[in-house]
């Protein structure tokens, strides 16, 4: 195991332990965590590893940082629901087929520069897909992935799979962020989905973003779905 991988595993293990202490009430809401030095001594880890641990926990919403003071525990809700975000679970009755419209290399616009934290000269692989049911378009999927060696860009090599699966060969540790919104489609989106220009029905936008173990965005997926064909279900267990 190389040094970077070993360090990544180490801070993930430390984060798991601190996370369990927060969820178990050992570290109470608004309680200050031990200093980086004390955490390093406790876990036998470098200060860099501890900082990576704290950054991960802050990104996950378990702690917050006060400049010059330290890291503190956020209030964590125990009313958590498990939601299956696989497209087959979101779409009522799933879908029949998916058709790749195009795949190409592009230069990022201002929106992508901001979302993916890349320069205007970066190479971004762009893919868009139509999702069909009963020969009607019920979904439109747009994906943006900063290019890395080994990422397929030839249309004949592409299959419709999850964003995580498309980039898993480039990284072993990642975090996925999902935001769900109801939107009124703009003209360009209505045209892409074959929606009548006078139709005012809303769409469901499921936006996913993948981050590597350093918090750098490595993929963005914007999935637009016919709201009448979609349903999001949560399961609560104790």
C-alpha atoms as a PDB file:
ATOM      1  CA  UNK A   1       0.000   0.000   0.000  1.00  0.00           C
ATOM      2  CA  UNK A   2       1.525   3.337  -1.010  1.00  0.00           C
ATOM      3  CA  UNK A   3       1.840   6.270   1.388  1.00  0.00           C
ATOM      4  CA  UNK A   4      -1.070   8.289  -0.014  1.00  0.00           C
ATOM      5  CA  UNK A   5      -3.423   5.298   0.115  1.00  0.00           C
ATOM      6  CA  UNK A   6      -2.282   4.413   3.648  1.00  0.00           C
ATOM      7  CA  UNK A   7      -2.894   7.990   4.818  1.00  0.00           C
ATOM      8  CA  UNK A   8      -6.336   7.984   3.184  1.00  0.00           C
ATOM      9  CA  UNK A   9      -7.316   4.754   4.946  1.00  0.00           C
ATOM     10  CA  UNK A  10      -5.978   6.113   8.245  1.00  0.00           C
ATOM     11  CA  UNK A  11      -8.021   9.305   8.246  1.00  0.00           C
ATOM     12  CA  UNK A  12     -11.128   7.433   7.117  1.00  0.00           C
ATOM     13  CA  UNK A  13     -10.724   5.125  10.128  1.00  0.00           C
ATOM     14  CA  UNK A  14     -10.245   8.073  12.488  1.00  0.00           C
ATOM     15  CA  UNK A  15     -13.281   9.821  10.983  1.00  0.00           C
ATOM     16  CA  UNK A  16     -15.353   6.662  11.487  1.00  0.00           C
ATOM     17  CA  UNK A  17     -14.385   6.559  15.170  1.00  0.00           C
ATOM     18  CA  UNK A  18     -15.144  10.248  15.796  1.00  0.00           C
ATOM     19  CA  UNK A  19     -18.399   9.978  13.838  1.00  0.00           C
ATOM     20  CA  UNK A  20     -19.552   7.090  16.046  1.00  0.00           C
ATOM     21  CA  UNK A  21     -18.688   9.094  19.161  1.00  0.00           C
ATOM     22  CA  UNK A  22     -20.791  12.010  17.886  1.00  0.00           C
ATOM     23  CA  UNK A  23     -23.756   9.795  16.976  1.00  0.00           C
ATOM     24  CA  UNK A  24     -23.440   7.973  20.298  1.00  0.00           C
ATOM     25  CA  UNK A  25     -23.476  11.209  22.291  1.00  0.00           C
ATOM     26  CA  UNK A  26     -19.935  10.823  23.621  1.00  0.00           C
ATOM     27  CA  UNK A  27     -19.156  14.141  21.956  1.00  0.00           C
ATOM     28  CA  UNK A  28     -22.157  16.385  22.680  1.00  0.00           C
ATOM     29  CA  UNK A  29     -23.636  19.115  20.499  1.00  0.00           C
ATOM     30  CA  UNK A  30     -21.453  22.261  20.460  1.00  0.00           C
ATOM     31  CA  UNK A  31     -18.718  20.474  22.430  1.00  0.00           C
ATOM     32  CA  UNK A  32     -15.207  21.323  21.286  1.00  0.00           C
ATOM     33  CA  UNK A  33     -13.223  18.372  19.975  1.00  0.00           C
ATOM     34  CA  UNK A  34      -9.696  17.736  21.272  1.00  0.00           C
ATOM     35  CA  UNK A  35      -7.013  19.798  19.538  1.00  0.00           C
ATOM     36  CA  UNK A  36      -5.277  18.534  16.406  1.00  0.00           C
ATOM     37  CA  UNK A  37      -2.212  17.763  18.533  1.00  0.00           C
ATOM     38  CA  UNK A  38      -4.195  15.717  21.058  1.00  0.00           C
ATOM     39  CA  UNK A  39      -6.100  13.862  18.336  1.00  0.00           C
ATOM     40  CA  UNK A  40      -2.798  13.086  16.627  1.00  0.00           C
ATOM     41  CA  UNK A  41      -1.412  11.661  19.865  1.00  0.00           C
ATOM     42  CA  UNK A  42      -4.597   9.692  20.538  1.00  0.00           C
ATOM     43  CA  UNK A  43      -4.698   8.060  17.103  1.00  0.00           C
ATOM     44  CA  UNK A  44      -0.965   7.980  16.371  1.00  0.00           C
ATOM     45  CA  UNK A  45      -1.447  10.114  13.266  1.00  0.00           C
ATOM     46  CA  UNK A  46       0.238  13.117  11.675  1.00  0.00           C
ATOM     47  CA  UNK A  47      -1.283  16.571  11.877  1.00  0.00           C
ATOM     48  CA  UNK A  48      -2.006  16.438   8.129  1.00  0.00           C
ATOM     49  CA  UNK A  49      -3.982  13.221   8.588  1.00  0.00           C
ATOM     50  CA  UNK A  50      -5.958  14.783  11.443  1.00  0.00           C
ATOM     51  CA  UNK A  51      -6.710  17.862   9.330  1.00  0.00           C
ATOM     52  CA  UNK A  52      -7.966  15.637   6.511  1.00  0.00           C
ATOM     53  CA  UNK A  53     -10.151  13.836   9.059  1.00  0.00           C
ATOM     54  CA  UNK A  54     -11.642  17.082  10.351  1.00  0.00           C
ATOM     55  CA  UNK A  55     -12.203  18.390   6.806  1.00  0.00           C
ATOM     56  CA  UNK A  56     -14.093  15.204   5.948  1.00  0.00           C
ATOM     57  CA  UNK A  57     -16.290  15.427   9.061  1.00  0.00           C
ATOM     58  CA  UNK A  58     -16.983  19.109   8.385  1.00  0.00           C
ATOM     59  CA  UNK A  59     -17.952  18.368   4.770  1.00  0.00           C
ATOM     60  CA  UNK A  60     -20.301  15.642   6.036  1.00  0.00           C
ATOM     61  CA  UNK A  61     -21.946  18.095   8.451  1.00  0.00           C
ATOM     62  CA  UNK A  62     -20.833  16.523  11.724  1.00  0.00           C
ATOM     63  CA  UNK A  63     -18.630  19.369  12.947  1.00  0.00           C
ATOM     64  CA  UNK A  64     -17.998  23.060  12.342  1.00  0.00           C
ATOM     65  CA  UNK A  65     -14.852  25.129  12.784  1.00  0.00           C
ATOM     66  CA  UNK A  66     -14.291  28.443  14.531  1.00  0.00           C
ATOM     67  CA  UNK A  67     -11.152  30.222  13.376  1.00  0.00           C
ATOM     68  CA  UNK A  68      -8.541  30.332  16.111  1.00  0.00           C
ATOM     69  CA  UNK A  69     -10.661  28.243  18.477  1.00  0.00           C
ATOM     70  CA  UNK A  70     -11.042  24.732  17.102  1.00  0.00           C
ATOM     71  CA  UNK A  71     -13.618  22.235  15.852  1.00  0.00           C
ATOM     72  CA  UNK A  72     -17.046  21.814  17.442  1.00  0.00           C
ATOM     73  CA  UNK A  73     -19.793  19.196  17.203  1.00  0.00           C
ATOM     74  CA  UNK A  74     -22.912  20.067  15.221  1.00  0.00           C
ATOM     75  CA  UNK A  75     -26.345  18.863  16.266  1.00  0.00           C
ATOM     76  CA  UNK A  76     -26.955  15.573  14.444  1.00  0.00           C
ATOM     77  CA  UNK A  77     -30.525  14.466  13.739  1.00  0.00           C
ATOM     78  CA  UNK A  78     -31.393  10.859  14.524  1.00  0.00           C
ATOM     79  CA  UNK A  79     -34.525  11.063  12.344  1.00  0.00           C
ATOM     80  CA  UNK A  80     -32.707   9.736   9.308  1.00  0.00           C
ATOM     81  CA  UNK A  81     -34.364   8.075   6.340  1.00  0.00           C
ATOM     82  CA  UNK A  82     -32.715   5.800   3.808  1.00  0.00           C
ATOM     83  CA  UNK A  83     -33.527   6.855   0.244  1.00  0.00           C
ATOM     84  CA  UNK A  84     -32.593   4.711  -2.741  1.00  0.00           C
ATOM     85  CA  UNK A  85     -31.445   7.183  -5.403  1.00  0.00           C
ATOM     86  CA  UNK A  86     -30.974   4.628  -8.173  1.00  0.00           C
ATOM     87  CA  UNK A  87     -32.872   5.800 -11.246  1.00  0.00           C
ATOM     88  CA  UNK A  88     -34.886   2.573 -11.346  1.00  0.00           C
ATOM     89  CA  UNK A  89     -36.159   3.368  -7.853  1.00  0.00           C
ATOM     90  CA  UNK A  90     -36.987   7.007  -8.642  1.00  0.00           C
ATOM     91  CA  UNK A  91     -38.884   6.312 -11.865  1.00  0.00           C
ATOM     92  CA  UNK A  92     -42.255   4.635 -11.384  1.00  0.00           C
ATOM     93  CA  UNK A  93     -41.852   1.278 -13.080  1.00  0.00           C
ATOM     94  CA  UNK A  94     -38.325   2.068 -14.259  1.00  0.00           C
ATOM     95  CA  UNK A  95     -37.515   2.800 -17.897  1.00  0.00           C
ATOM     96  CA  UNK A  96     -37.334   0.868 -21.156  1.00  0.00           C
ATOM     97  CA  UNK A  97     -34.154   2.109 -22.780  1.00  0.00           C
ATOM     98  CA  UNK A  98     -31.519   4.835 -22.811  1.00  0.00           C
ATOM     99  CA  UNK A  99     -30.103   6.515 -25.902  1.00  0.00           C
ATOM    100  CA  UNK A 100     -26.786   8.359 -25.960  1.00  0.00           C
ATOM    101  CA  UNK A 101     -27.262  11.660 -27.797  1.00  0.00           C
ATOM    102  CA  UNK A 102     -23.601  12.618 -27.894  1.00  0.00           C
ATOM    103  CA  UNK A 103     -20.302  12.418 -26.058  1.00  0.00           C
ATOM    104  CA  UNK A 104     -17.548  14.938 -26.659  1.00  0.00           C
ATOM    105  CA  UNK A 105     -14.706  16.905 -25.115  1.00  0.00           C
ATOM    106  CA  UNK A 106     -15.574  20.497 -24.226  1.00  0.00           C
ATOM    107  CA  UNK A 107     -14.069  23.552 -22.563  1.00  0.00           C
ATOM    108  CA  UNK A 108     -15.940  24.488 -19.370  1.00  0.00           C
ATOM    109  CA  UNK A 109     -18.201  27.517 -19.245  1.00  0.00           C
ATOM    110  CA  UNK A 110     -18.411  29.746 -16.159  1.00  0.00           C
ATOM    111  CA  UNK A 111     -20.970  27.436 -14.541  1.00  0.00           C
ATOM    112  CA  UNK A 112     -18.709  24.381 -14.878  1.00  0.00           C
ATOM    113  CA  UNK A 113     -15.611  26.307 -13.777  1.00  0.00           C
ATOM    114  CA  UNK A 114     -17.476  27.096 -10.557  1.00  0.00           C
ATOM    115  CA  UNK A 115     -19.109  23.680 -10.063  1.00  0.00           C
ATOM    116  CA  UNK A 116     -16.051  21.552 -10.865  1.00  0.00           C
ATOM    117  CA  UNK A 117     -13.366  23.966  -9.604  1.00  0.00           C
ATOM    118  CA  UNK A 118     -11.443  23.784 -12.886  1.00  0.00           C
ATOM    119  CA  UNK A 119      -9.764  26.322 -15.173  1.00  0.00           C
ATOM    120  CA  UNK A 120     -11.242  27.575 -18.440  1.00  0.00           C
ATOM    121  CA  UNK A 121      -8.580  25.557 -20.287  1.00  0.00           C
ATOM    122  CA  UNK A 122      -9.478  22.228 -18.655  1.00  0.00           C
ATOM    123  CA  UNK A 123     -10.783  19.328 -20.716  1.00  0.00           C
ATOM    124  CA  UNK A 124     -14.274  18.184 -19.710  1.00  0.00           C
ATOM    125  CA  UNK A 125     -15.974  15.084 -21.062  1.00  0.00           C
ATOM    126  CA  UNK A 126     -19.643  15.902 -21.731  1.00  0.00           C
ATOM    127  CA  UNK A 127     -22.311  13.248 -22.271  1.00  0.00           C
ATOM    128  CA  UNK A 128     -26.062  13.554 -22.619  1.00  0.00           C
ATOM    129  CA  UNK A 129     -28.635  10.784 -22.720  1.00  0.00           C
ATOM    130  CA  UNK A 130     -32.356  10.401 -23.393  1.00  0.00           C
ATOM    131  CA  UNK A 131     -34.302   8.028 -21.148  1.00  0.00           C
ATOM    132  CA  UNK A 132     -37.373   6.386 -22.705  1.00  0.00           C
ATOM    133  CA  UNK A 133     -40.480   4.617 -21.486  1.00  0.00           C
ATOM    134  CA  UNK A 134     -43.176   3.499 -23.913  1.00  0.00           C
ATOM    135  CA  UNK A 135     -41.196   5.345 -26.614  1.00  0.00           C
ATOM    136  CA  UNK A 136     -41.684   8.678 -24.804  1.00  0.00           C
ATOM    137  CA  UNK A 137     -38.804  10.702 -23.343  1.00  0.00           C
ATOM    138  CA  UNK A 138     -39.218  10.718 -19.551  1.00  0.00           C
ATOM    139  CA  UNK A 139     -35.690  11.750 -18.622  1.00  0.00           C
ATOM    140  CA  UNK A 140     -32.686  13.691 -19.851  1.00  0.00           C
ATOM    141  CA  UNK A 141     -29.271  13.113 -18.267  1.00  0.00           C
ATOM    142  CA  UNK A 142     -26.278  15.479 -18.673  1.00  0.00           C
ATOM    143  CA  UNK A 143     -22.872  14.493 -17.291  1.00  0.00           C
ATOM    144  CA  UNK A 144     -19.656  16.466 -16.964  1.00  0.00           C
ATOM    145  CA  UNK A 145     -16.418  14.754 -15.938  1.00  0.00           C
ATOM    146  CA  UNK A 146     -12.961  16.370 -15.867  1.00  0.00           C
ATOM    147  CA  UNK A 147     -10.927  14.230 -18.246  1.00  0.00           C
ATOM    148  CA  UNK A 148      -8.559  11.628 -16.838  1.00  0.00           C
ATOM    149  CA  UNK A 149      -6.579   8.953 -18.642  1.00  0.00           C
ATOM    150  CA  UNK A 150      -8.705   5.862 -19.130  1.00  0.00           C
ATOM    151  CA  UNK A 151     -12.065   7.658 -19.191  1.00  0.00           C
ATOM    152  CA  UNK A 152     -13.951   6.396 -22.274  1.00  0.00           C
ATOM    153  CA  UNK A 153     -15.075   9.126 -24.644  1.00  0.00           C
ATOM    154  CA  UNK A 154     -15.795   7.102 -27.778  1.00  0.00           C
ATOM    155  CA  UNK A 155     -19.570   6.689 -28.061  1.00  0.00           C
ATOM    156  CA  UNK A 156     -19.279   2.996 -28.902  1.00  0.00           C
ATOM    157  CA  UNK A 157     -17.477   2.389 -25.576  1.00  0.00           C
ATOM    158  CA  UNK A 158     -20.073   4.127 -23.405  1.00  0.00           C
ATOM    159  CA  UNK A 159     -22.875   2.418 -21.517  1.00  0.00           C
ATOM    160  CA  UNK A 160     -25.434   4.056 -19.266  1.00  0.00           C
ATOM    161  CA  UNK A 161     -24.329   3.479 -15.698  1.00  0.00           C
ATOM    162  CA  UNK A 162     -24.066   5.442 -12.467  1.00  0.00           C
ATOM    163  CA  UNK A 163     -21.733   8.443 -12.290  1.00  0.00           C
ATOM    164  CA  UNK A 164     -19.761   6.747  -9.512  1.00  0.00           C
ATOM    165  CA  UNK A 165     -19.188   3.715 -11.723  1.00  0.00           C
ATOM    166  CA  UNK A 166     -17.854   5.895 -14.536  1.00  0.00           C
ATOM    167  CA  UNK A 167     -15.093   7.423 -12.405  1.00  0.00           C
ATOM    168  CA  UNK A 168     -14.354   4.628  -9.920  1.00  0.00           C
ATOM    169  CA  UNK A 169     -11.184   3.602 -11.758  1.00  0.00           C
ATOM    170  CA  UNK A 170      -9.671   7.051 -11.157  1.00  0.00           C
ATOM    171  CA  UNK A 171     -10.180   7.109  -7.370  1.00  0.00           C
ATOM    172  CA  UNK A 172     -10.863   4.709  -4.531  1.00  0.00           C
ATOM    173  CA  UNK A 173     -12.225   7.139  -1.953  1.00  0.00           C
ATOM    174  CA  UNK A 174     -14.983   9.570  -2.804  1.00  0.00           C
ATOM    175  CA  UNK A 175     -18.031  11.357  -1.453  1.00  0.00           C
ATOM    176  CA  UNK A 176     -21.293  11.868  -3.329  1.00  0.00           C
ATOM    177  CA  UNK A 177     -23.528  14.883  -2.794  1.00  0.00           C
ATOM    178  CA  UNK A 178     -27.132  14.844  -4.047  1.00  0.00           C
ATOM    179  CA  UNK A 179     -29.476  17.833  -4.371  1.00  0.00           C
ATOM    180  CA  UNK A 180     -33.109  17.416  -5.501  1.00  0.00           C
ATOM    181  CA  UNK A 181     -35.201  20.294  -6.845  1.00  0.00           C
ATOM    182  CA  UNK A 182     -38.456  20.854  -8.669  1.00  0.00           C
ATOM    183  CA  UNK A 183     -37.914  23.165 -11.659  1.00  0.00           C
ATOM    184  CA  UNK A 184     -39.884  24.797 -14.449  1.00  0.00           C
ATOM    185  CA  UNK A 185     -37.981  23.821 -17.612  1.00  0.00           C
ATOM    186  CA  UNK A 186     -36.494  26.500 -19.823  1.00  0.00           C
ATOM    187  CA  UNK A 187     -37.088  26.450 -23.575  1.00  0.00           C
ATOM    188  CA  UNK A 188     -33.865  24.560 -24.394  1.00  0.00           C
ATOM    189  CA  UNK A 189     -34.762  21.827 -21.901  1.00  0.00           C
ATOM    190  CA  UNK A 190     -38.308  21.497 -23.239  1.00  0.00           C
ATOM    191  CA  UNK A 191     -36.837  21.016 -26.703  1.00  0.00           C
ATOM    192  CA  UNK A 192     -34.410  18.365 -25.433  1.00  0.00           C
ATOM    193  CA  UNK A 193     -37.217  16.442 -23.738  1.00  0.00           C
ATOM    194  CA  UNK A 194     -39.818  16.906 -26.447  1.00  0.00           C
ATOM    195  CA  UNK A 195     -42.104  18.937 -24.170  1.00  0.00           C
ATOM    196  CA  UNK A 196     -44.675  21.260 -25.730  1.00  0.00           C
ATOM    197  CA  UNK A 197     -43.583  24.891 -25.392  1.00  0.00           C
ATOM    198  CA  UNK A 198     -46.910  25.788 -23.727  1.00  0.00           C
ATOM    199  CA  UNK A 199     -46.617  23.018 -21.131  1.00  0.00           C
ATOM    200  CA  UNK A 200     -45.964  24.468 -17.656  1.00  0.00           C
ATOM    201  CA  UNK A 201     -45.502  21.185 -15.774  1.00  0.00           C
ATOM    202  CA  UNK A 202     -42.459  21.026 -13.535  1.00  0.00           C
ATOM    203  CA  UNK A 203     -39.563  18.581 -13.788  1.00  0.00           C
ATOM    204  CA  UNK A 204     -37.597  16.840 -11.072  1.00  0.00           C
ATOM    205  CA  UNK A 205     -33.892  17.727 -11.135  1.00  0.00           C
ATOM    206  CA  UNK A 206     -31.590  15.266  -9.376  1.00  0.00           C
ATOM    207  CA  UNK A 207     -28.099  16.750  -9.265  1.00  0.00           C
ATOM    208  CA  UNK A 208     -25.171  14.608  -8.142  1.00  0.00           C
ATOM    209  CA  UNK A 209     -21.626  15.720  -7.543  1.00  0.00           C
ATOM    210  CA  UNK A 210     -18.697  13.428  -6.786  1.00  0.00           C
ATOM    211  CA  UNK A 211     -15.727  14.592  -4.690  1.00  0.00           C
ATOM    212  CA  UNK A 212     -12.378  12.869  -4.235  1.00  0.00           C
ATOM    213  CA  UNK A 213     -10.709  12.353  -0.850  1.00  0.00           C
ATOM    214  CA  UNK A 214      -9.309  15.893  -0.980  1.00  0.00           C
ATOM    215  CA  UNK A 215     -12.729  17.462  -1.537  1.00  0.00           C
ATOM    216  CA  UNK A 216     -12.120  18.202  -5.237  1.00  0.00           C
ATOM    217  CA  UNK A 217     -15.153  17.743  -7.547  1.00  0.00           C
ATOM    218  CA  UNK A 218     -14.510  14.944 -10.060  1.00  0.00           C
ATOM    219  CA  UNK A 219     -17.925  14.588 -11.681  1.00  0.00           C
ATOM    220  CA  UNK A 220     -21.277  16.350 -12.090  1.00  0.00           C
ATOM    221  CA  UNK A 221     -24.552  14.746 -13.180  1.00  0.00           C
ATOM    222  CA  UNK A 222     -27.793  16.638 -13.828  1.00  0.00           C
ATOM    223  CA  UNK A 223     -30.717  14.279 -14.310  1.00  0.00           C
ATOM    224  CA  UNK A 224     -34.025  15.839 -15.416  1.00  0.00           C
ATOM    225  CA  UNK A 225     -37.082  13.634 -14.935  1.00  0.00           C
ATOM    226  CA  UNK A 226     -40.767  13.890 -15.777  1.00  0.00           C
ATOM    227  CA  UNK A 227     -42.293  14.600 -12.355  1.00  0.00           C
ATOM    228  CA  UNK A 228     -45.404  12.573 -13.178  1.00  0.00           C
ATOM    229  CA  UNK A 229     -43.201   9.522 -13.742  1.00  0.00           C
ATOM    230  CA  UNK A 230     -41.104   9.994 -10.595  1.00  0.00           C
ATOM    231  CA  UNK A 231     -41.393   9.196  -6.912  1.00  0.00           C
ATOM    232  CA  UNK A 232     -38.857   9.456  -4.081  1.00  0.00           C
ATOM    233  CA  UNK A 233     -39.387   7.149  -1.113  1.00  0.00           C
ATOM    234  CA  UNK A 234     -37.644   7.134   2.253  1.00  0.00           C
ATOM    235  CA  UNK A 235     -37.416   4.318   4.794  1.00  0.00           C
ATOM    236  CA  UNK A 236     -36.912   4.991   8.505  1.00  0.00           C
ATOM    237  CA  UNK A 237     -35.572   2.260  10.732  1.00  0.00           C
ATOM    238  CA  UNK A 238     -34.670   2.188  14.426  1.00  0.00           C
END
